[in-house]
């Protein structure tokens, strides 16, 4: 394995999101864990709360996609 391949693997691992990873949620104006973001989106979806900020949040959509890529 070359050095470039090792660096690429390290970079991929560092870019992954975990459930405990935190980010700044712009709609809520506070720091949230990825797990909380996922839970709130799933609750809005399950209870048909389409007016919820979590349902329409583009930042949450990006977080969900990045989390799914890391699985």
Protein backbone atom coordinates (compact mmCIF):
# COMPACT_ATOMS: atom_id res chain seq x y z
CA UNK A 1 0.00 0.00 0.00
CA UNK A 2 1.44 3.35 -1.00
CA UNK A 3 1.61 6.45 1.15
CA UNK A 4 -1.02 8.18 -1.01
CA UNK A 5 -3.45 5.28 -0.48
CA UNK A 6 -2.89 5.40 3.29
CA UNK A 7 -3.49 9.14 3.36
CA UNK A 8 -6.69 8.69 1.35
CA UNK A 9 -7.95 6.07 3.83
CA UNK A 10 -7.14 8.34 6.79
CA UNK A 11 -8.93 11.23 5.10
CA UNK A 12 -12.00 9.09 4.44
CA UNK A 13 -12.11 7.97 8.07
CA UNK A 14 -11.76 11.52 9.38
CA UNK A 15 -14.60 12.79 7.14
CA UNK A 16 -17.10 10.21 8.40
CA UNK A 17 -19.84 11.28 10.71
CA UNK A 18 -20.76 9.34 13.80
CA UNK A 19 -23.96 9.53 15.85
CA UNK A 20 -22.14 11.57 18.47
CA UNK A 21 -20.59 14.06 16.04
CA UNK A 22 -21.76 17.60 16.67
CA UNK A 23 -22.51 20.41 14.27
CA UNK A 24 -24.04 23.88 14.44
CA UNK A 25 -27.72 23.68 13.47
CA UNK A 26 -28.62 26.94 11.74
CA UNK A 27 -32.44 26.64 12.08
CA UNK A 28 -32.21 25.92 15.82
CA UNK A 29 -29.20 28.17 16.40
CA UNK A 30 -27.35 25.70 18.63
CA UNK A 31 -25.01 22.73 18.52
CA UNK A 32 -26.68 19.35 17.98
CA UNK A 33 -25.47 15.79 17.72
CA UNK A 34 -26.07 14.00 14.43
CA UNK A 35 -28.19 11.47 16.32
CA UNK A 36 -30.52 14.21 17.55
CA UNK A 37 -30.83 15.61 14.04
CA UNK A 38 -31.72 12.17 12.68
CA UNK A 39 -34.21 11.53 15.49
CA UNK A 40 -35.96 14.86 14.99
CA UNK A 41 -36.23 14.32 11.23
CA UNK A 42 -37.61 10.81 11.71
CA UNK A 43 -40.17 12.07 14.25
CA UNK A 44 -41.30 14.83 11.89
CA UNK A 45 -41.64 12.26 9.12
CA UNK A 46 -43.42 9.66 11.26
CA UNK A 47 -45.94 12.11 12.71
CA UNK A 48 -46.47 14.00 9.43
CA UNK A 49 -45.16 17.27 10.82
CA UNK A 50 -44.36 18.71 7.41
CA UNK A 51 -44.19 22.24 8.80
CA UNK A 52 -41.36 21.28 11.13
CA UNK A 53 -38.01 22.96 10.56
CA UNK A 54 -36.35 19.53 10.71
CA UNK A 55 -38.47 18.21 7.85
CA UNK A 56 -37.46 21.01 5.45
CA UNK A 57 -33.87 21.51 6.61
CA UNK A 58 -31.29 21.31 3.78
CA UNK A 59 -28.46 21.13 6.32
CA UNK A 60 -30.12 18.09 7.91
CA UNK A 61 -30.46 16.49 4.50
CA UNK A 62 -26.72 16.95 3.92
CA UNK A 63 -25.97 15.48 7.36
CA UNK A 64 -28.17 12.45 6.71
CA UNK A 65 -26.49 11.80 3.37
CA UNK A 66 -22.97 12.15 4.80
CA UNK A 67 -23.87 9.85 7.70
CA UNK A 68 -25.29 7.25 5.32
CA UNK A 69 -22.11 7.31 3.22
CA UNK A 70 -20.03 6.43 6.28
CA UNK A 71 -22.01 3.30 7.13
